[in-house]
Amino acid sequence: MACLLMVMLVFIYLFIYLFISKLAQAIGSIEAIAKASKEFILENTDLSTEKAERIFRFFRDPQYYLSPKIN
C-alpha cells in the first residue's frame, strides 16, 4: 500500500512539473508575440497584413483590446 501511494505521489509531482513547464513556455511565447513588431510578425508567420495589425494593436492599444468586438 505504501509503494502504491509513493508511485501515485511521483506521478502527481511529474504531472505538476510538466504542467508548470508548459505554462512557462506559453507565457514566454505570449511575451515574445507582445514585443514583436508588425513587420516581424509578417516576416516570420503566414498571417495576412490585417491579422498582423490586429495582433500588434491588441498588445499595444488599450482602446482596441478593451472595446467590444461585434462582427
PDB file of N, CA and C in Angstrom:
ATOM      1  N   MET A   1       0.817  -1.195   0.000  1.00  0.00           N
ATOM      2  CA  MET A   1       0.000   0.000   0.000  1.00  0.00           C
ATOM      3  C   MET A   1       0.866   1.266   0.000  1.00  0.00           C
ATOM      4  N   ALA A   2       1.937   1.242   0.772  1.00  0.00           N
ATOM      5  CA  ALA A   2       2.823   2.401   0.841  1.00  0.00           C
ATOM      6  C   ALA A   2       3.519   2.632  -0.497  1.00  0.00           C
ATOM      7  N   CYS A   3       3.873   1.536  -1.185  1.00  0.00           N
ATOM      8  CA  CYS A   3       4.510   1.659  -2.500  1.00  0.00           C
ATOM      9  C   CYS A   3       3.554   2.295  -3.502  1.00  0.00           C
ATOM     10  N   LEU A   4       2.313   1.897  -3.480  1.00  0.00           N
ATOM     11  CA  LEU A   4       1.319   2.455  -4.392  1.00  0.00           C
ATOM     12  C   LEU A   4       1.139   3.950  -4.137  1.00  0.00           C
ATOM     13  N   LEU A   5       1.104   4.317  -2.879  1.00  0.00           N
ATOM     14  CA  LEU A   5       0.986   5.729  -2.532  1.00  0.00           C
ATOM     15  C   LEU A   5       2.200   6.515  -3.023  1.00  0.00           C
ATOM     16  N   MET A   6       3.378   5.947  -2.874  1.00  0.00           N
ATOM     17  CA  MET A   6       4.603   6.599  -3.325  1.00  0.00           C
ATOM     18  C   MET A   6       4.593   6.766  -4.841  1.00  0.00           C
ATOM     19  N   VAL A   7       4.177   5.758  -5.576  1.00  0.00           N
ATOM     20  CA  VAL A   7       4.103   5.833  -7.036  1.00  0.00           C
ATOM     21  C   VAL A   7       3.107   6.910  -7.454  1.00  0.00           C
ATOM     22  N   MET A   8       1.972   6.974  -6.769  1.00  0.00           N
ATOM     23  CA  MET A   8       0.975   7.994  -7.093  1.00  0.00           C
ATOM     24  C   MET A   8       1.529   9.391  -6.834  1.00  0.00           C
ATOM     25  N   LEU A   9       2.250   9.572  -5.752  1.00  0.00           N
ATOM     26  CA  LEU A   9       2.843  10.866  -5.459  1.00  0.00           C
ATOM     27  C   LEU A   9       3.872  11.265  -6.510  1.00  0.00           C
ATOM     28  N   VAL A  10       4.646  10.318  -6.988  1.00  0.00           N
ATOM     29  CA  VAL A  10       5.629  10.598  -8.039  1.00  0.00           C
ATOM     30  C   VAL A  10       4.916  11.030  -9.314  1.00  0.00           C
ATOM     31  N   PHE A  11       3.851  10.344  -9.680  1.00  0.00           N
ATOM     32  CA  PHE A  11       3.099  10.714 -10.877  1.00  0.00           C
ATOM     33  C   PHE A  11       2.461  12.103 -10.734  1.00  0.00           C
ATOM     34  N   ILE A  12       1.944  12.397  -9.574  1.00  0.00           N
ATOM     35  CA  ILE A  12       1.355  13.714  -9.341  1.00  0.00           C
ATOM     36  C   ILE A  12       2.424  14.791  -9.447  1.00  0.00           C
ATOM     37  N   TYR A  13       3.591  14.552  -8.831  1.00  0.00           N
ATOM     38  CA  TYR A  13       4.697  15.501  -8.909  1.00  0.00           C
ATOM     39  C   TYR A  13       5.124  15.715 -10.353  1.00  0.00           C
ATOM     40  N   LEU A  14       5.244  14.640 -11.124  1.00  0.00           N
ATOM     41  CA  LEU A  14       5.644  14.736 -12.533  1.00  0.00           C
ATOM     42  C   LEU A  14       4.607  15.523 -13.334  1.00  0.00           C
ATOM     43  N   PHE A  15       3.337  15.263 -13.099  1.00  0.00           N
ATOM     44  CA  PHE A  15       2.269  15.981 -13.796  1.00  0.00           C
ATOM     45  C   PHE A  15       2.348  17.478 -13.498  1.00  0.00           C
ATOM     46  N   ILE A  16       2.511  17.832 -12.231  1.00  0.00           N
ATOM     47  CA  ILE A  16       2.589  19.247 -11.849  1.00  0.00           C
ATOM     48  C   ILE A  16       3.814  19.897 -12.478  1.00  0.00           C
ATOM     49  N   TYR A  17       4.949  19.205 -12.463  1.00  0.00           N
ATOM     50  CA  TYR A  17       6.172  19.743 -13.058  1.00  0.00           C
ATOM     51  C   TYR A  17       5.979  20.010 -14.551  1.00  0.00           C
ATOM     52  N   LEU A  18       5.406  19.047 -15.263  1.00  0.00           N
ATOM     53  CA  LEU A  18       5.192  19.214 -16.702  1.00  0.00           C
ATOM     54  C   LEU A  18       4.191  20.336 -16.986  1.00  0.00           C
ATOM     55  N   PHE A  19       3.151  20.432 -16.186  1.00  0.00           N
ATOM     56  CA  PHE A  19       2.160  21.493 -16.362  1.00  0.00           C
ATOM     57  C   PHE A  19       2.793  22.863 -16.190  1.00  0.00           C
ATOM     58  N   ILE A  20       3.581  23.039 -15.139  1.00  0.00           N
ATOM     59  CA  ILE A  20       4.231  24.333 -14.888  1.00  0.00           C
ATOM     60  C   ILE A  20       5.226  24.649 -15.996  1.00  0.00           C
ATOM     61  N   SER A  21       5.929  23.642 -16.469  1.00  0.00           N
ATOM     62  CA  SER A  21       6.889  23.845 -17.561  1.00  0.00           C
ATOM     63  C   SER A  21       6.185  24.333 -18.830  1.00  0.00           C
ATOM     64  N   LYS A  22       5.095  23.691 -19.193  1.00  0.00           N
ATOM     65  CA  LYS A  22       4.340  24.094 -20.387  1.00  0.00           C
ATOM     66  C   LYS A  22       3.710  25.473 -20.203  1.00  0.00           C
ATOM     67  N   LEU A  23       3.251  25.769 -19.008  1.00  0.00           N
ATOM     68  CA  LEU A  23       2.678  27.079 -18.732  1.00  0.00           C
ATOM     69  C   LEU A  23       3.736  28.175 -18.892  1.00  0.00           C
ATOM     70  N   ALA A  24       4.936  27.919 -18.396  1.00  0.00           N
ATOM     71  CA  ALA A  24       6.024  28.890 -18.535  1.00  0.00           C
ATOM     72  C   ALA A  24       6.388  29.099 -20.002  1.00  0.00           C
ATOM     73  N   GLN A  25       6.382  28.028 -20.796  1.00  0.00           N
ATOM     74  CA  GLN A  25       6.658  28.153 -22.234  1.00  0.00           C
ATOM     75  C   GLN A  25       5.587  28.991 -22.912  1.00  0.00           C
ATOM     76  N   ALA A  26       4.335  28.767 -22.565  1.00  0.00           N
ATOM     77  CA  ALA A  26       3.233  29.531 -23.170  1.00  0.00           C
ATOM     78  C   ALA A  26       3.330  31.010 -22.809  1.00  0.00           C
ATOM     79  N   ILE A  27       3.637  31.296 -21.565  1.00  0.00           N
ATOM     80  CA  ILE A  27       3.768  32.693 -21.145  1.00  0.00           C
ATOM     81  C   ILE A  27       4.925  33.353 -21.883  1.00  0.00           C
ATOM     82  N   GLY A  28       6.023  32.632 -22.052  1.00  0.00           N
ATOM     83  CA  GLY A  28       7.162  33.169 -22.794  1.00  0.00           C
ATOM     84  C   GLY A  28       6.804  33.461 -24.241  1.00  0.00           C
ATOM     85  N   SER A  29       6.014  32.584 -24.848  1.00  0.00           N
ATOM     86  CA  SER A  29       5.591  32.794 -26.232  1.00  0.00           C
ATOM     87  C   SER A  29       4.692  34.026 -26.352  1.00  0.00           C
ATOM     88  N   ILE A  30       3.795  34.190 -25.419  1.00  0.00           N
ATOM     89  CA  ILE A  30       2.902  35.349 -25.442  1.00  0.00           C
ATOM     90  C   ILE A  30       3.703  36.631 -25.261  1.00  0.00           C
ATOM     91  N   GLU A  31       4.688  36.608 -24.362  1.00  0.00           N
ATOM     92  CA  GLU A  31       5.536  37.789 -24.170  1.00  0.00           C
ATOM     93  C   GLU A  31       6.308  38.120 -25.441  1.00  0.00           C
ATOM     94  N   ALA A  32       6.802  37.103 -26.130  1.00  0.00           N
ATOM     95  CA  ALA A  32       7.552  37.335 -27.369  1.00  0.00           C
ATOM     96  C   ALA A  32       6.647  37.942 -28.440  1.00  0.00           C
ATOM     97  N   ILE A  33       5.431  37.442 -28.554  1.00  0.00           N
ATOM     98  CA  ILE A  33       4.490  37.991 -29.533  1.00  0.00           C
ATOM     99  C   ILE A  33       4.141  39.431 -29.175  1.00  0.00           C
ATOM    100  N   ALA A  34       3.956  39.687 -27.889  1.00  0.00           N
ATOM    101  CA  ALA A  34       3.592  41.038 -27.445  1.00  0.00           C
ATOM    102  C   ALA A  34       4.686  42.050 -27.759  1.00  0.00           C
ATOM    103  N   LYS A  35       5.933  41.619 -27.745  1.00  0.00           N
ATOM    104  CA  LYS A  35       7.052  42.534 -28.001  1.00  0.00           C
ATOM    105  C   LYS A  35       7.403  42.638 -29.483  1.00  0.00           C
ATOM    106  N   ALA A  36       6.854  41.760 -30.297  1.00  0.00           N
ATOM    107  CA  ALA A  36       7.205  41.731 -31.721  1.00  0.00           C
ATOM    108  C   ALA A  36       6.582  42.907 -32.473  1.00  0.00           C
ATOM    109  N   SER A  37       7.302  43.377 -33.468  1.00  0.00           N
ATOM    110  CA  SER A  37       6.756  44.431 -34.322  1.00  0.00           C
ATOM    111  C   SER A  37       5.847  43.812 -35.377  1.00  0.00           C
ATOM    112  N   LYS A  38       5.029  44.656 -35.987  1.00  0.00           N
ATOM    113  CA  LYS A  38       4.137  44.173 -37.045  1.00  0.00           C
ATOM    114  C   LYS A  38       4.949  43.588 -38.194  1.00  0.00           C
ATOM    115  N   GLU A  39       6.064  44.220 -38.522  1.00  0.00           N
ATOM    116  CA  GLU A  39       6.914  43.728 -39.615  1.00  0.00           C
ATOM    117  C   GLU A  39       7.496  42.364 -39.279  1.00  0.00           C
ATOM    118  N   PHE A  40       7.911  42.179 -38.028  1.00  0.00           N
ATOM    119  CA  PHE A  40       8.458  40.894 -37.606  1.00  0.00           C
ATOM    120  C   PHE A  40       7.399  39.804 -37.712  1.00  0.00           C
ATOM    121  N   ILE A  41       6.175  40.114 -37.295  1.00  0.00           N
ATOM    122  CA  ILE A  41       5.079  39.144 -37.387  1.00  0.00           C
ATOM    123  C   ILE A  41       4.831  38.768 -38.845  1.00  0.00           C
ATOM    124  N   LEU A  42       4.817  39.765 -39.734  1.00  0.00           N
ATOM    125  CA  LEU A  42       4.584  39.490 -41.154  1.00  0.00           C
ATOM    126  C   LEU A  42       5.705  38.651 -41.767  1.00  0.00           C
ATOM    127  N   GLU A  43       6.953  38.937 -41.388  1.00  0.00           N
ATOM    128  CA  GLU A  43       8.088  38.212 -41.960  1.00  0.00           C
ATOM    129  C   GLU A  43       8.174  36.774 -41.478  1.00  0.00           C
ATOM    130  N   ASN A  44       7.759  36.514 -40.241  1.00  0.00           N
ATOM    131  CA  ASN A  44       8.000  35.207 -39.635  1.00  0.00           C
ATOM    132  C   ASN A  44       6.760  34.333 -39.489  1.00  0.00           C
ATOM    133  N   THR A  45       5.636  34.786 -39.999  1.00  0.00           N
ATOM    134  CA  THR A  45       4.418  33.967 -39.976  1.00  0.00           C
ATOM    135  C   THR A  45       3.756  34.045 -41.347  1.00  0.00           C
ATOM    136  N   ASP A  46       2.709  33.264 -41.509  1.00  0.00           N
ATOM    137  CA  ASP A  46       1.958  33.323 -42.767  1.00  0.00           C
ATOM    138  C   ASP A  46       0.659  34.121 -42.598  1.00  0.00           C
ATOM    139  N   LEU A  47       0.636  35.001 -41.598  1.00  0.00           N
ATOM    140  CA  LEU A  47      -0.560  35.819 -41.353  1.00  0.00           C
ATOM    141  C   LEU A  47      -0.675  36.937 -42.381  1.00  0.00           C
ATOM    142  N   SER A  48      -1.904  37.349 -42.613  1.00  0.00           N
ATOM    143  CA  SER A  48      -2.137  38.477 -43.511  1.00  0.00           C
ATOM    144  C   SER A  48      -1.761  39.779 -42.804  1.00  0.00           C
ATOM    145  N   THR A  49      -1.648  40.838 -43.572  1.00  0.00           N
ATOM    146  CA  THR A  49      -1.326  42.152 -43.018  1.00  0.00           C
ATOM    147  C   THR A  49      -2.382  42.584 -42.009  1.00  0.00           C
ATOM    148  N   GLU A  50      -3.644  42.327 -42.320  1.00  0.00           N
ATOM    149  CA  GLU A  50      -4.738  42.707 -41.420  1.00  0.00           C
ATOM    150  C   GLU A  50      -4.632  41.979 -40.079  1.00  0.00           C
ATOM    151  N   LYS A  51      -4.354  40.680 -40.105  1.00  0.00           N
ATOM    152  CA  LYS A  51      -4.248  39.921 -38.858  1.00  0.00           C
ATOM    153  C   LYS A  51      -3.018  40.325 -38.064  1.00  0.00           C
ATOM    154  N   ALA A  52      -1.924  40.606 -38.750  1.00  0.00           N
ATOM    155  CA  ALA A  52      -0.716  41.073 -38.055  1.00  0.00           C
ATOM    156  C   ALA A  52      -0.985  42.413 -37.380  1.00  0.00           C
ATOM    157  N   GLU A  53      -1.730  43.280 -38.050  1.00  0.00           N
ATOM    158  CA  GLU A  53      -2.097  44.581 -37.476  1.00  0.00           C
ATOM    159  C   GLU A  53      -2.972  44.391 -36.237  1.00  0.00           C
ATOM    160  N   ARG A  54      -3.917  43.446 -36.294  1.00  0.00           N
ATOM    161  CA  ARG A  54      -4.775  43.171 -35.136  1.00  0.00           C
ATOM    162  C   ARG A  54      -3.958  42.699 -33.939  1.00  0.00           C
ATOM    163  N   ILE A  55      -3.047  41.776 -34.178  1.00  0.00           N
ATOM    164  CA  ILE A  55      -2.199  41.279 -33.090  1.00  0.00           C
ATOM    165  C   ILE A  55      -1.365  42.403 -32.513  1.00  0.00           C
ATOM    166  N   PHE A  56      -0.760  43.183 -33.384  1.00  0.00           N
ATOM    167  CA  PHE A  56       0.078  44.294 -32.949  1.00  0.00           C
ATOM    168  C   PHE A  56      -0.725  45.279 -32.101  1.00  0.00           C
ATOM    169  N   ARG A  57      -1.903  45.652 -32.583  1.00  0.00           N
ATOM    170  CA  ARG A  57      -2.742  46.609 -31.854  1.00  0.00           C
ATOM    171  C   ARG A  57      -3.280  46.028 -30.554  1.00  0.00           C
ATOM    172  N   PHE A  58      -3.587  44.744 -30.546  1.00  0.00           N
ATOM    173  CA  PHE A  58      -4.138  44.112 -29.352  1.00  0.00           C
ATOM    174  C   PHE A  58      -3.197  44.285 -28.165  1.00  0.00           C
ATOM    175  N   PHE A  59      -1.905  44.110 -28.385  1.00  0.00           N
ATOM    176  CA  PHE A  59      -0.958  44.183 -27.284  1.00  0.00           C
ATOM    177  C   PHE A  59      -0.512  45.603 -26.960  1.00  0.00           C
ATOM    178  N   ARG A  60      -0.802  46.568 -27.820  1.00  0.00           N
ATOM    179  CA  ARG A  60      -0.277  47.917 -27.585  1.00  0.00           C
ATOM    180  C   ARG A  60      -1.336  49.005 -27.392  1.00  0.00           C
ATOM    181  N   ASP A  61      -2.556  48.759 -27.790  1.00  0.00           N
ATOM    182  CA  ASP A  61      -3.581  49.799 -27.765  1.00  0.00           C
ATOM    183  C   ASP A  61      -4.728  49.404 -26.830  1.00  0.00           C
ATOM    184  N   PRO A  62      -4.782  49.977 -25.619  1.00  0.00           N
ATOM    185  CA  PRO A  62      -5.846  49.612 -24.679  1.00  0.00           C
ATOM    186  C   PRO A  62      -7.241  49.892 -25.221  1.00  0.00           C
ATOM    187  N   GLN A  63      -7.396  50.937 -26.017  1.00  0.00           N
ATOM    188  CA  GLN A  63      -8.713  51.220 -26.600  1.00  0.00           C
ATOM    189  C   GLN A  63      -9.150  50.089 -27.524  1.00  0.00           C
ATOM    190  N   TYR A  64      -8.198  49.432 -28.141  1.00  0.00           N
ATOM    191  CA  TYR A  64      -8.534  48.340 -29.065  1.00  0.00           C
ATOM    192  C   TYR A  64      -8.948  47.091 -28.290  1.00  0.00           C
ATOM    193  N   TYR A  65      -8.142  46.671 -27.306  1.00  0.00           N
ATOM    194  CA  TYR A  65      -8.479  45.409 -26.659  1.00  0.00           C
ATOM    195  C   TYR A  65      -9.518  45.538 -25.557  1.00  0.00           C
ATOM    196  N   LEU A  66      -9.859  46.749 -25.156  1.00  0.00           N
ATOM    197  CA  LEU A  66     -10.923  46.922 -24.164  1.00  0.00           C
ATOM    198  C   LEU A  66     -12.275  47.221 -24.783  1.00  0.00           C
ATOM    199  N   SER A  67     -12.307  47.512 -26.070  1.00  0.00           N
ATOM    200  CA  SER A  67     -13.584  47.808 -26.714  1.00  0.00           C
ATOM    201  C   SER A  67     -14.269  46.515 -27.178  1.00  0.00           C
ATOM    202  N   PRO A  68     -15.594  46.506 -27.240  1.00  0.00           N
ATOM    203  CA  PRO A  68     -16.293  45.305 -27.683  1.00  0.00           C
ATOM    204  C   PRO A  68     -16.065  45.036 -29.163  1.00  0.00           C
ATOM    205  N   LYS A  69     -15.982  43.771 -29.519  1.00  0.00           N
ATOM    206  CA  LYS A  69     -15.794  43.359 -30.918  1.00  0.00           C
ATOM    207  C   LYS A  69     -17.067  42.684 -31.410  1.00  0.00           C
ATOM    208  N   ILE A  70     -17.802  43.361 -32.253  1.00  0.00           N
ATOM    209  CA  ILE A  70     -19.034  42.807 -32.809  1.00  0.00           C
ATOM    210  C   ILE A  70     -18.867  42.749 -34.323  1.00  0.00           C
ATOM    211  N   ASN A  71     -18.912  41.522 -34.845  1.00  0.00           N
ATOM    212  CA  ASN A  71     -18.762  41.342 -36.307  1.00  0.00           C
ATOM    213  C   ASN A  71     -20.087  41.004 -36.927  1.00  0.00           C
TER     214      ASN A  71
END
